[in-house]
Amino acid sequence: MLSDNLWAFTRAFIVTVIFMPALIKFLKQSKEQAVIRKLGPDHQSKAGTPSIGGALFIAAAALSAIIGGFAMADGQQSIFHMLILVLAMLAFGIIGGIDDVLKLINHTDDGFRFKPKLAAQSLSALLVMLIMWALKIPFIVQLPLIGTINLGIFYFIFLWFWLVGWSNATNLTDGLDGLLTGISIIVYGAYTWIAMGMHNNMVVIFNFAVIGALAGFMLFNKPKAKIFMGDTGSLALGAGLAIESIVLGIPFSLLWFGLVFVVETLSVIIQTVGYHFWKKRIFPMAPIHHSFEKFGWAEWQIDLLFWLITFALAFVGIAYMS
């Protein structure tokens, strides 16, 4: 069992490390590089850095997970659960990929318009829902202090909100070199521990593959990044976390483990509402990690703070659930 998981990690790590330099070289030669936003902190020194690195590490994670899943599956139901996880991650990764490509083609920091992007995310969520319904996966959630409840038809609304919401939350968090990569490794690691306790082998091997791919990507994404993950990676990572929290039957635990994502999203909402109604900015800049830059913090200092906060949340959450 452990060797299968380590192989899943190793496969994804090696594929990412071997092929990422070639992807970086190709993108630089084709001059397909990220457009740096002019608003906010001065990131113009990053101009010329390639993007869409998420396409490679998401593909590496998906391939490794599927290989490992088929190798250790103890029945059709198990492998189908694996495929749901991979499908959700890939579907939202493709949406992010289209967004990234549009940015490169148009040479702007705006890709997908809001309505088409939301429609694509909604269709992806609907596809995942229909597959779960076809597999007769119980539409139940566990609520703190209340217990398990069956949402029935309302489960479809909840699942849509969960997938779309968390994919966008991780997307907002991806604004500094290595920030989302490090946080994702920790949160996926926390769910790996929980899944082991639940003996959910498919989630465990899926997470080992994702963590392996992220570890390989971190070698190129740490400050100063040689490549960005783009929306391809950030949307996929959020969707992966959302769907596996549901598969494990503990969706609301993600509010704790992913509290940094929640705060980042709330900072954007508060900033938008404050400026719309009162023409005032509540924070120096949103998402909130940029506010720390305004205070003079270096990127690696902000990364370290947010990683430590996430690690503390993961430690407390695991201890409480064990």
C-alpha atoms as a PDB file:
ATOM      1  CA  MET A   1       0.000   0.000   0.000  1.00  0.00           C
ATOM      2  CA  LEU A   2       2.658   2.522   1.021  1.00  0.00           C
ATOM      3  CA  SER A   3       4.844   1.598  -1.932  1.00  0.00           C
ATOM      4  CA  ASP A   4       1.913   2.214  -4.330  1.00  0.00           C
ATOM      5  CA  ASN A   5       1.401   5.669  -2.854  1.00  0.00           C
ATOM      6  CA  LEU A   6       5.108   6.500  -2.996  1.00  0.00           C
ATOM      7  CA  TRP A   7       5.183   5.382  -6.629  1.00  0.00           C
ATOM      8  CA  ALA A   8       2.272   7.714  -7.369  1.00  0.00           C
ATOM      9  CA  PHE A   9       4.222  10.574  -5.779  1.00  0.00           C
ATOM     10  CA  THR A  10       7.440   9.645  -7.572  1.00  0.00           C
ATOM     11  CA  ARG A  11       5.854   9.267 -11.019  1.00  0.00           C
ATOM     12  CA  ALA A  12       4.198  12.686 -10.845  1.00  0.00           C
ATOM     13  CA  PHE A  13       7.319  14.322  -9.401  1.00  0.00           C
ATOM     14  CA  ILE A  14       9.669  12.888 -12.033  1.00  0.00           C
ATOM     15  CA  VAL A  15       7.380  13.721 -14.989  1.00  0.00           C
ATOM     16  CA  THR A  16       7.014  17.309 -13.761  1.00  0.00           C
ATOM     17  CA  VAL A  17      10.732  17.807 -13.090  1.00  0.00           C
ATOM     18  CA  ILE A  18      11.838  16.248 -16.389  1.00  0.00           C
ATOM     19  CA  PHE A  19       9.419  18.021 -18.722  1.00  0.00           C
ATOM     20  CA  MET A  20       9.015  21.426 -17.017  1.00  0.00           C
ATOM     21  CA  PRO A  21      12.350  22.827 -18.344  1.00  0.00           C
ATOM     22  CA  ALA A  22      11.297  21.890 -21.878  1.00  0.00           C
ATOM     23  CA  LEU A  23       7.924  23.603 -21.385  1.00  0.00           C
ATOM     24  CA  ILE A  24       9.615  26.732 -20.034  1.00  0.00           C
ATOM     25  CA  LYS A  25      12.009  26.794 -23.003  1.00  0.00           C
ATOM     26  CA  PHE A  26       9.175  26.283 -25.503  1.00  0.00           C
ATOM     27  CA  LEU A  27       7.043  29.057 -24.007  1.00  0.00           C
ATOM     28  CA  LYS A  28       9.974  31.473 -23.926  1.00  0.00           C
ATOM     29  CA  GLN A  29      10.921  30.750 -27.524  1.00  0.00           C
ATOM     30  CA  SER A  30       7.322  31.195 -28.632  1.00  0.00           C
ATOM     31  CA  LYS A  31       7.162  34.390 -26.521  1.00  0.00           C
ATOM     32  CA  GLU A  32       4.007  33.104 -24.842  1.00  0.00           C
ATOM     33  CA  GLN A  33       4.545  34.751 -21.478  1.00  0.00           C
ATOM     34  CA  ALA A  34       2.315  35.992 -18.695  1.00  0.00           C
ATOM     35  CA  VAL A  35       0.998  39.550 -18.843  1.00  0.00           C
ATOM     36  CA  ILE A  36       1.776  41.290 -15.556  1.00  0.00           C
ATOM     37  CA  ARG A  37      -0.955  43.435 -14.075  1.00  0.00           C
ATOM     38  CA  LYS A  38      -0.105  47.135 -13.899  1.00  0.00           C
ATOM     39  CA  LEU A  39      -2.324  47.702 -10.854  1.00  0.00           C
ATOM     40  CA  GLY A  40      -0.999  47.087  -7.363  1.00  0.00           C
ATOM     41  CA  PRO A  41       2.523  45.996  -6.325  1.00  0.00           C
ATOM     42  CA  ASP A  42       5.292  46.355  -8.872  1.00  0.00           C
ATOM     43  CA  HIS A  43       5.710  42.921 -10.445  1.00  0.00           C
ATOM     44  CA  GLN A  44       7.129  44.178 -13.729  1.00  0.00           C
ATOM     45  CA  SER A  45      10.388  42.389 -12.915  1.00  0.00           C
ATOM     46  CA  LYS A  46       8.426  39.196 -13.597  1.00  0.00           C
ATOM     47  CA  ALA A  47       7.586  40.276 -17.137  1.00  0.00           C
ATOM     48  CA  GLY A  48       8.647  37.569 -19.555  1.00  0.00           C
ATOM     49  CA  THR A  49       7.971  34.722 -17.131  1.00  0.00           C
ATOM     50  CA  PRO A  50       6.091  31.890 -18.879  1.00  0.00           C
ATOM     51  CA  SER A  51       2.700  30.799 -17.587  1.00  0.00           C
ATOM     52  CA  ILE A  52       0.462  27.701 -17.957  1.00  0.00           C
ATOM     53  CA  GLY A  53       2.839  25.561 -15.890  1.00  0.00           C
ATOM     54  CA  GLY A  54      -0.253  24.051 -14.298  1.00  0.00           C
ATOM     55  CA  ALA A  55      -1.018  22.198 -17.519  1.00  0.00           C
ATOM     56  CA  LEU A  56       2.021  19.966 -17.029  1.00  0.00           C
ATOM     57  CA  PHE A  57       1.787  19.239 -13.311  1.00  0.00           C
ATOM     58  CA  ILE A  58      -1.977  18.656 -13.467  1.00  0.00           C
ATOM     59  CA  ALA A  59      -1.501  16.231 -16.358  1.00  0.00           C
ATOM     60  CA  ALA A  60       1.331  14.489 -14.474  1.00  0.00           C
ATOM     61  CA  ALA A  61      -0.813  14.183 -11.325  1.00  0.00           C
ATOM     62  CA  ALA A  62      -3.838  12.881 -13.244  1.00  0.00           C
ATOM     63  CA  LEU A  63      -1.808  10.288 -15.168  1.00  0.00           C
ATOM     64  CA  SER A  64       0.005   9.061 -12.067  1.00  0.00           C
ATOM     65  CA  ALA A  65      -3.229   8.881 -10.058  1.00  0.00           C
ATOM     66  CA  ILE A  66      -5.038   6.877 -12.727  1.00  0.00           C
ATOM     67  CA  ILE A  67      -2.137   4.419 -13.099  1.00  0.00           C
ATOM     68  CA  GLY A  68      -1.988   3.966  -9.334  1.00  0.00           C
ATOM     69  CA  GLY A  69      -5.752   3.745  -9.020  1.00  0.00           C
ATOM     70  CA  PHE A  70      -6.093   0.914 -11.535  1.00  0.00           C
ATOM     71  CA  ALA A  71      -3.165  -0.910  -9.934  1.00  0.00           C
ATOM     72  CA  MET A  72      -4.728  -0.979  -6.470  1.00  0.00           C
ATOM     73  CA  ALA A  73      -8.466  -0.804  -7.166  1.00  0.00           C
ATOM     74  CA  ASP A  74     -10.482  -3.394  -5.267  1.00  0.00           C
ATOM     75  CA  GLY A  75     -13.562  -3.040  -7.425  1.00  0.00           C
ATOM     76  CA  GLN A  76     -15.230  -0.855 -10.041  1.00  0.00           C
ATOM     77  CA  GLN A  77     -16.697   1.466  -7.430  1.00  0.00           C
ATOM     78  CA  SER A  78     -13.241   2.374  -6.138  1.00  0.00           C
ATOM     79  CA  ILE A  79     -11.765   3.256  -9.518  1.00  0.00           C
ATOM     80  CA  PHE A  80     -14.855   5.260 -10.429  1.00  0.00           C
ATOM     81  CA  HIS A  81     -14.330   7.307  -7.276  1.00  0.00           C
ATOM     82  CA  MET A  82     -10.788   7.972  -8.455  1.00  0.00           C
ATOM     83  CA  LEU A  83     -12.024   9.000 -11.880  1.00  0.00           C
ATOM     84  CA  ILE A  84     -14.454  11.503 -10.331  1.00  0.00           C
ATOM     85  CA  LEU A  85     -11.556  13.198  -8.566  1.00  0.00           C
ATOM     86  CA  VAL A  86      -9.453  13.288 -11.736  1.00  0.00           C
ATOM     87  CA  LEU A  87     -12.390  14.445 -13.882  1.00  0.00           C
ATOM     88  CA  ALA A  88     -13.200  17.391 -11.615  1.00  0.00           C
ATOM     89  CA  MET A  89      -9.564  18.476 -11.535  1.00  0.00           C
ATOM     90  CA  LEU A  90      -9.090  18.139 -15.301  1.00  0.00           C
ATOM     91  CA  ALA A  91     -12.387  19.818 -16.201  1.00  0.00           C
ATOM     92  CA  PHE A  92     -11.610  22.939 -14.220  1.00  0.00           C
ATOM     93  CA  GLY A  93      -7.998  22.796 -15.381  1.00  0.00           C
ATOM     94  CA  ILE A  94      -9.192  22.918 -19.006  1.00  0.00           C
ATOM     95  CA  ILE A  95     -11.331  25.963 -18.211  1.00  0.00           C
ATOM     96  CA  GLY A  96      -8.300  27.620 -16.669  1.00  0.00           C
ATOM     97  CA  GLY A  97      -6.216  26.610 -19.678  1.00  0.00           C
ATOM     98  CA  ILE A  98      -8.630  28.313 -22.068  1.00  0.00           C
ATOM     99  CA  ASP A  99      -8.495  31.389 -19.832  1.00  0.00           C
ATOM    100  CA  ASP A 100      -4.682  31.378 -19.895  1.00  0.00           C
ATOM    101  CA  VAL A 101      -4.508  30.920 -23.669  1.00  0.00           C
ATOM    102  CA  LEU A 102      -6.928  33.800 -24.253  1.00  0.00           C
ATOM    103  CA  LYS A 103      -4.743  36.034 -22.086  1.00  0.00           C
ATOM    104  CA  LEU A 104      -1.692  35.135 -24.143  1.00  0.00           C
ATOM    105  CA  ILE A 105      -3.451  35.554 -27.487  1.00  0.00           C
ATOM    106  CA  ASN A 106      -4.941  38.921 -26.510  1.00  0.00           C
ATOM    107  CA  HIS A 107      -1.811  40.029 -24.597  1.00  0.00           C
ATOM    108  CA  THR A 108      -3.918  41.109 -21.630  1.00  0.00           C
ATOM    109  CA  ASP A 109      -4.496  40.022 -18.041  1.00  0.00           C
ATOM    110  CA  ASP A 110      -8.170  39.348 -18.827  1.00  0.00           C
ATOM    111  CA  GLY A 111      -9.051  36.022 -20.431  1.00  0.00           C
ATOM    112  CA  PHE A 112     -12.455  34.386 -20.158  1.00  0.00           C
ATOM    113  CA  ARG A 113     -15.209  36.921 -19.572  1.00  0.00           C
ATOM    114  CA  PHE A 114     -17.127  36.397 -16.333  1.00  0.00           C
ATOM    115  CA  LYS A 115     -20.351  34.929 -17.765  1.00  0.00           C
ATOM    116  CA  PRO A 116     -18.764  32.421 -20.201  1.00  0.00           C
ATOM    117  CA  LYS A 117     -16.296  31.349 -17.508  1.00  0.00           C
ATOM    118  CA  LEU A 118     -19.069  30.833 -14.956  1.00  0.00           C
ATOM    119  CA  ALA A 119     -21.113  28.919 -17.544  1.00  0.00           C
ATOM    120  CA  ALA A 120     -18.161  26.616 -18.283  1.00  0.00           C
ATOM    121  CA  GLN A 121     -17.573  26.026 -14.564  1.00  0.00           C
ATOM    122  CA  SER A 122     -21.273  25.316 -14.067  1.00  0.00           C
ATOM    123  CA  LEU A 123     -21.321  22.776 -16.910  1.00  0.00           C
ATOM    124  CA  SER A 124     -18.246  21.051 -15.451  1.00  0.00           C
ATOM    125  CA  ALA A 125     -19.896  20.905 -12.027  1.00  0.00           C
ATOM    126  CA  LEU A 126     -23.073  19.517 -13.618  1.00  0.00           C
ATOM    127  CA  LEU A 127     -21.071  16.774 -15.360  1.00  0.00           C
ATOM    128  CA  VAL A 128     -19.484  15.736 -12.050  1.00  0.00           C
ATOM    129  CA  MET A 129     -22.909  15.758 -10.371  1.00  0.00           C
ATOM    130  CA  LEU A 130     -24.481  13.541 -13.033  1.00  0.00           C
ATOM    131  CA  ILE A 131     -21.663  11.006 -12.766  1.00  0.00           C
ATOM    132  CA  MET A 132     -22.001  10.906  -8.974  1.00  0.00           C
ATOM    133  CA  TRP A 133     -25.758  10.435  -9.370  1.00  0.00           C
ATOM    134  CA  ALA A 134     -25.241   7.628 -11.910  1.00  0.00           C
ATOM    135  CA  LEU A 135     -22.868   5.887  -9.489  1.00  0.00           C
ATOM    136  CA  LYS A 136     -25.457   6.214  -6.719  1.00  0.00           C
ATOM    137  CA  ILE A 137     -23.072   8.070  -4.435  1.00  0.00           C
ATOM    138  CA  PRO A 138     -25.168   9.189  -1.415  1.00  0.00           C
ATOM    139  CA  PHE A 139     -26.015  12.887  -1.494  1.00  0.00           C
ATOM    140  CA  ILE A 140     -25.277  13.526   2.162  1.00  0.00           C
ATOM    141  CA  VAL A 141     -23.212  16.049   4.095  1.00  0.00           C
ATOM    142  CA  GLN A 142     -21.969  16.117   7.656  1.00  0.00           C
ATOM    143  CA  LEU A 143     -22.745  19.287   9.556  1.00  0.00           C
ATOM    144  CA  PRO A 144     -20.926  20.244  12.781  1.00  0.00           C
ATOM    145  CA  LEU A 145     -23.095  19.695  15.881  1.00  0.00           C
ATOM    146  CA  ILE A 146     -25.950  18.437  13.661  1.00  0.00           C
ATOM    147  CA  GLY A 147     -24.631  15.268  12.093  1.00  0.00           C
ATOM    148  CA  THR A 148     -25.344  13.679   8.738  1.00  0.00           C
ATOM    149  CA  ILE A 149     -28.203  15.009   6.650  1.00  0.00           C
ATOM    150  CA  ASN A 150     -29.479  14.050   3.202  1.00  0.00           C
ATOM    151  CA  LEU A 151     -29.777  17.129   0.995  1.00  0.00           C
ATOM    152  CA  GLY A 152     -31.677  15.343  -1.758  1.00  0.00           C
ATOM    153  CA  ILE A 153     -32.123  17.544  -4.831  1.00  0.00           C
ATOM    154  CA  PHE A 154     -30.493  20.490  -3.004  1.00  0.00           C
ATOM    155  CA  TYR A 155     -27.239  18.529  -3.105  1.00  0.00           C
ATOM    156  CA  PHE A 156     -26.867  19.574  -6.731  1.00  0.00           C
ATOM    157  CA  ILE A 157     -26.955  23.244  -5.725  1.00  0.00           C
ATOM    158  CA  PHE A 158     -24.471  22.621  -2.938  1.00  0.00           C
ATOM    159  CA  LEU A 159     -22.066  20.718  -5.183  1.00  0.00           C
ATOM    160  CA  TRP A 160     -22.187  23.468  -7.814  1.00  0.00           C
ATOM    161  CA  PHE A 161     -21.481  26.124  -5.214  1.00  0.00           C
ATOM    162  CA  TRP A 162     -18.660  24.073  -3.657  1.00  0.00           C
ATOM    163  CA  LEU A 163     -16.810  23.346  -6.893  1.00  0.00           C
ATOM    164  CA  VAL A 164     -17.183  26.806  -8.418  1.00  0.00           C
ATOM    165  CA  GLY A 165     -16.523  28.592  -5.132  1.00  0.00           C
ATOM    166  CA  TRP A 166     -13.355  26.749  -4.145  1.00  0.00           C
ATOM    167  CA  SER A 167     -11.854  26.763  -7.628  1.00  0.00           C
ATOM    168  CA  ASN A 168     -12.206  30.538  -7.690  1.00  0.00           C
ATOM    169  CA  ALA A 169     -10.887  30.851  -4.126  1.00  0.00           C
ATOM    170  CA  THR A 170      -7.645  29.081  -4.995  1.00  0.00           C
ATOM    171  CA  ASN A 171      -7.447  31.138  -8.179  1.00  0.00           C
ATOM    172  CA  LEU A 172      -7.529  34.357  -6.123  1.00  0.00           C
ATOM    173  CA  THR A 173      -4.806  33.015  -3.809  1.00  0.00           C
ATOM    174  CA  ASP A 174      -2.421  32.422  -6.718  1.00  0.00           C
ATOM    175  CA  GLY A 175      -0.739  35.836  -6.784  1.00  0.00           C
ATOM    176  CA  LEU A 176       2.780  35.326  -5.461  1.00  0.00           C
ATOM    177  CA  ASP A 177       5.581  32.972  -6.457  1.00  0.00           C
ATOM    178  CA  GLY A 178       5.119  29.677  -4.628  1.00  0.00           C
ATOM    179  CA  LEU A 179       2.206  30.837  -2.457  1.00  0.00           C
ATOM    180  CA  LEU A 180      -0.593  28.607  -3.758  1.00  0.00           C
ATOM    181  CA  THR A 181       1.805  25.741  -4.502  1.00  0.00           C
ATOM    182  CA  GLY A 182       2.941  25.550  -0.871  1.00  0.00           C
ATOM    183  CA  ILE A 183      -0.524  25.981   0.636  1.00  0.00           C
ATOM    184  CA  SER A 184      -1.938  23.301  -1.676  1.00  0.00           C
ATOM    185  CA  ILE A 185       0.768  20.806  -0.685  1.00  0.00           C
ATOM    186  CA  ILE A 186      -0.166  21.293   2.977  1.00  0.00           C
ATOM    187  CA  VAL A 187      -3.954  21.060   2.494  1.00  0.00           C
ATOM    188  CA  TYR A 188      -3.737  18.041   0.198  1.00  0.00           C
ATOM    189  CA  GLY A 189      -1.358  16.540   2.764  1.00  0.00           C
ATOM    190  CA  ALA A 190      -3.921  17.040   5.532  1.00  0.00           C
ATOM    191  CA  TYR A 191      -6.615  15.275   3.518  1.00  0.00           C
ATOM    192  CA  THR A 192      -4.169  12.477   2.742  1.00  0.00           C
ATOM    193  CA  TRP A 193      -3.783  11.819   6.464  1.00  0.00           C
ATOM    194  CA  ILE A 194      -7.559  11.888   6.982  1.00  0.00           C
ATOM    195  CA  ALA A 195      -8.192   9.620   3.987  1.00  0.00           C
ATOM    196  CA  MET A 196      -5.671   7.124   5.364  1.00  0.00           C
ATOM    197  CA  GLY A 197      -7.632   7.020   8.618  1.00  0.00           C
ATOM    198  CA  MET A 198     -10.818   6.396   6.612  1.00  0.00           C
ATOM    199  CA  HIS A 199      -9.059   3.705   4.527  1.00  0.00           C
ATOM    200  CA  ASN A 200     -10.071   5.549   1.365  1.00  0.00           C
ATOM    201  CA  ASN A 201      -7.247   4.327  -0.847  1.00  0.00           C
ATOM    202  CA  MET A 202      -8.384   6.185  -3.960  1.00  0.00           C
ATOM    203  CA  VAL A 203      -8.228   9.604  -2.310  1.00  0.00           C
ATOM    204  CA  VAL A 204      -4.878   8.732  -0.733  1.00  0.00           C
ATOM    205  CA  ILE A 205      -3.227   7.746  -4.000  1.00  0.00           C
ATOM    206  CA  PHE A 206      -4.814  10.718  -5.808  1.00  0.00           C
ATOM    207  CA  ASN A 207      -3.343  13.067  -3.221  1.00  0.00           C
ATOM    208  CA  PHE A 208       0.102  11.476  -3.322  1.00  0.00           C
ATOM    209  CA  ALA A 209       0.106  12.057  -7.084  1.00  0.00           C
ATOM    210  CA  VAL A 210      -1.000  15.692  -6.724  1.00  0.00           C
ATOM    211  CA  ILE A 211       1.543  16.393  -3.973  1.00  0.00           C
ATOM    212  CA  GLY A 212       4.313  14.782  -6.026  1.00  0.00           C
ATOM    213  CA  ALA A 213       3.471  16.960  -9.023  1.00  0.00           C
ATOM    214  CA  LEU A 214       3.296  20.081  -6.832  1.00  0.00           C
ATOM    215  CA  ALA A 215       6.630  19.258  -5.193  1.00  0.00           C
ATOM    216  CA  GLY A 216       8.214  19.019  -8.631  1.00  0.00           C
ATOM    217  CA  PHE A 217       6.570  22.263  -9.724  1.00  0.00           C
ATOM    218  CA  MET A 218       7.772  24.062  -6.583  1.00  0.00           C
ATOM    219  CA  LEU A 219      11.371  23.666  -7.810  1.00  0.00           C
ATOM    220  CA  PHE A 220      10.470  26.038 -10.651  1.00  0.00           C
ATOM    221  CA  ASN A 221       7.788  28.140  -8.913  1.00  0.00           C
ATOM    222  CA  LYS A 222       9.555  29.199  -5.717  1.00  0.00           C
ATOM    223  CA  PRO A 223      10.585  32.897  -5.615  1.00  0.00           C
ATOM    224  CA  LYS A 224      11.769  34.024  -8.128  1.00  0.00           C
ATOM    225  CA  ALA A 225       9.545  31.794 -10.265  1.00  0.00           C
ATOM    226  CA  LYS A 226      10.776  30.463 -13.585  1.00  0.00           C
ATOM    227  CA  ILE A 227       7.156  29.686 -14.551  1.00  0.00           C
ATOM    228  CA  PHE A 228       3.660  30.414 -13.215  1.00  0.00           C
ATOM    229  CA  MET A 229       0.921  27.794 -12.857  1.00  0.00           C
ATOM    230  CA  GLY A 230      -1.702  30.092 -14.361  1.00  0.00           C
ATOM    231  CA  ASP A 231      -5.448  29.602 -14.030  1.00  0.00           C
ATOM    232  CA  THR A 232      -4.903  26.104 -15.432  1.00  0.00           C
ATOM    233  CA  GLY A 233      -3.316  25.017 -12.169  1.00  0.00           C
ATOM    234  CA  SER A 234      -5.145  27.203  -9.662  1.00  0.00           C
ATOM    235  CA  LEU A 235      -8.686  26.331 -10.798  1.00  0.00           C
ATOM    236  CA  ALA A 236      -7.820  22.626 -10.988  1.00  0.00           C
ATOM    237  CA  LEU A 237      -6.317  22.548  -7.489  1.00  0.00           C
ATOM    238  CA  GLY A 238      -9.394  24.179  -5.956  1.00  0.00           C
ATOM    239  CA  ALA A 239     -11.788  21.829  -7.747  1.00  0.00           C
ATOM    240  CA  GLY A 240      -9.714  18.838  -6.632  1.00  0.00           C
ATOM    241  CA  LEU A 241      -9.888  19.876  -2.987  1.00  0.00           C
ATOM    242  CA  ALA A 242     -13.624  20.618  -3.208  1.00  0.00           C
ATOM    243  CA  ILE A 243     -14.561  17.261  -4.734  1.00  0.00           C
ATOM    244  CA  GLU A 244     -12.380  15.170  -2.437  1.00  0.00           C
ATOM    245  CA  SER A 245     -13.776  16.874   0.675  1.00  0.00           C
ATOM    246  CA  ILE A 246     -17.190  15.762  -0.625  1.00  0.00           C
ATOM    247  CA  VAL A 247     -16.055  12.236  -1.510  1.00  0.00           C
ATOM    248  CA  LEU A 248     -14.675  11.877   2.013  1.00  0.00           C
ATOM    249  CA  GLY A 249     -18.018  13.053   3.404  1.00  0.00           C
ATOM    250  CA  ILE A 250     -16.537  16.019   5.295  1.00  0.00           C
ATOM    251  CA  PRO A 251     -16.972  18.994   2.939  1.00  0.00           C
ATOM    252  CA  PHE A 252     -17.134  21.647   5.634  1.00  0.00           C
ATOM    253  CA  SER A 253     -13.717  20.653   6.949  1.00  0.00           C
ATOM    254  CA  LEU A 254     -12.367  22.549   3.931  1.00  0.00           C
ATOM    255  CA  LEU A 255     -13.534  25.785   5.528  1.00  0.00           C
ATOM    256  CA  TRP A 256     -10.947  25.101   8.233  1.00  0.00           C
ATOM    257  CA  PHE A 257      -8.112  23.530   6.256  1.00  0.00           C
ATOM    258  CA  GLY A 258      -8.578  26.078   3.483  1.00  0.00           C
ATOM    259  CA  LEU A 259      -9.143  29.061   5.766  1.00  0.00           C
ATOM    260  CA  VAL A 260      -6.431  31.036   3.970  1.00  0.00           C
ATOM    261  CA  PHE A 261      -8.414  30.622   0.741  1.00  0.00           C
ATOM    262  CA  VAL A 262     -11.539  31.837   2.550  1.00  0.00           C
ATOM    263  CA  VAL A 263      -9.777  34.934   3.911  1.00  0.00           C
ATOM    264  CA  GLU A 264      -8.293  35.733   0.492  1.00  0.00           C
ATOM    265  CA  THR A 265     -11.755  35.519  -1.093  1.00  0.00           C
ATOM    266  CA  LEU A 266     -13.446  37.536   1.653  1.00  0.00           C
ATOM    267  CA  SER A 267     -10.821  40.266   1.296  1.00  0.00           C
ATOM    268  CA  VAL A 268     -11.744  40.633  -2.384  1.00  0.00           C
ATOM    269  CA  ILE A 269     -15.488  40.673  -1.620  1.00  0.00           C
ATOM    270  CA  ILE A 270     -15.082  43.229   1.194  1.00  0.00           C
ATOM    271  CA  GLN A 271     -12.820  45.405  -0.947  1.00  0.00           C
ATOM    272  CA  THR A 272     -15.258  45.308  -3.865  1.00  0.00           C
ATOM    273  CA  VAL A 273     -18.320  46.080  -1.731  1.00  0.00           C
ATOM    274  CA  GLY A 274     -16.527  48.863   0.158  1.00  0.00           C
ATOM    275  CA  TYR A 275     -15.373  50.582  -3.009  1.00  0.00           C
ATOM    276  CA  HIS A 276     -18.709  50.114  -4.799  1.00  0.00           C
ATOM    277  CA  PHE A 277     -20.842  51.620  -2.055  1.00  0.00           C
ATOM    278  CA  TRP A 278     -18.498  54.007  -0.246  1.00  0.00           C
ATOM    279  CA  LYS A 279     -15.665  54.562  -2.743  1.00  0.00           C
ATOM    280  CA  LYS A 280     -13.218  53.461  -0.050  1.00  0.00           C
ATOM    281  CA  ARG A 281     -10.660  50.656  -0.048  1.00  0.00           C
ATOM    282  CA  ILE A 282     -10.803  48.652   3.172  1.00  0.00           C
ATOM    283  CA  PHE A 283      -7.424  47.003   2.484  1.00  0.00           C
ATOM    284  CA  PRO A 284      -4.357  48.547   0.832  1.00  0.00           C
ATOM    285  CA  MET A 285      -4.967  45.957  -1.893  1.00  0.00           C
ATOM    286  CA  ALA A 286      -6.923  42.739  -2.393  1.00  0.00           C
ATOM    287  CA  PRO A 287      -6.479  39.783  -2.360  1.00  0.00           C
ATOM    288  CA  ILE A 288      -4.981  40.300   1.056  1.00  0.00           C
ATOM    289  CA  HIS A 289      -1.543  38.836   0.276  1.00  0.00           C
ATOM    290  CA  HIS A 290      -0.934  41.929  -1.853  1.00  0.00           C
ATOM    291  CA  SER A 291      -1.615  44.117   1.187  1.00  0.00           C
ATOM    292  CA  PHE A 292       1.432  42.572   2.858  1.00  0.00           C
ATOM    293  CA  GLU A 293       3.447  43.569  -0.199  1.00  0.00           C
ATOM    294  CA  LYS A 294       2.178  47.126   0.246  1.00  0.00           C
ATOM    295  CA  PHE A 295       3.501  46.973   3.824  1.00  0.00           C
ATOM    296  CA  GLY A 296       6.951  46.142   2.446  1.00  0.00           C
ATOM    297  CA  TRP A 297       7.037  42.370   2.990  1.00  0.00           C
ATOM    298  CA  ALA A 298       9.072  40.254   0.567  1.00  0.00           C
ATOM    299  CA  GLU A 299       7.283  37.476  -1.326  1.00  0.00           C
ATOM    300  CA  TRP A 300       9.122  34.690   0.507  1.00  0.00           C
ATOM    301  CA  GLN A 301       8.131  36.256   3.858  1.00  0.00           C
ATOM    302  CA  ILE A 302       4.463  36.319   2.864  1.00  0.00           C
ATOM    303  CA  ASP A 303       4.709  32.763   1.554  1.00  0.00           C
ATOM    304  CA  LEU A 304       6.251  31.557   4.797  1.00  0.00           C
ATOM    305  CA  LEU A 305       3.598  33.267   6.939  1.00  0.00           C
ATOM    306  CA  PHE A 306       0.701  31.838   4.943  1.00  0.00           C
ATOM    307  CA  TRP A 307       2.295  28.386   4.804  1.00  0.00           C
ATOM    308  CA  LEU A 308       2.819  28.372   8.578  1.00  0.00           C
ATOM    309  CA  ILE A 309      -0.779  29.457   9.180  1.00  0.00           C
ATOM    310  CA  THR A 310      -2.038  26.690   6.891  1.00  0.00           C
ATOM    311  CA  PHE A 311       0.220  24.124   8.546  1.00  0.00           C
ATOM    312  CA  ALA A 312      -1.096  25.124  11.990  1.00  0.00           C
ATOM    313  CA  LEU A 313      -4.679  24.836  10.739  1.00  0.00           C
ATOM    314  CA  ALA A 314      -3.910  21.408   9.272  1.00  0.00           C
ATOM    315  CA  PHE A 315      -2.279  20.195  12.507  1.00  0.00           C
ATOM    316  CA  VAL A 316      -5.197  21.338  14.673  1.00  0.00           C
ATOM    317  CA  GLY A 317      -7.786  20.024  12.204  1.00  0.00           C
ATOM    318  CA  ILE A 318      -6.185  16.585  11.985  1.00  0.00           C
ATOM    319  CA  ALA A 319      -5.847  16.391  15.772  1.00  0.00           C
ATOM    320  CA  TYR A 320      -9.523  17.302  16.221  1.00  0.00           C
ATOM    321  CA  MET A 321     -10.748  14.785  13.627  1.00  0.00           C
ATOM    322  CA  SER A 322      -8.515  11.910  14.742  1.00  0.00           C
END
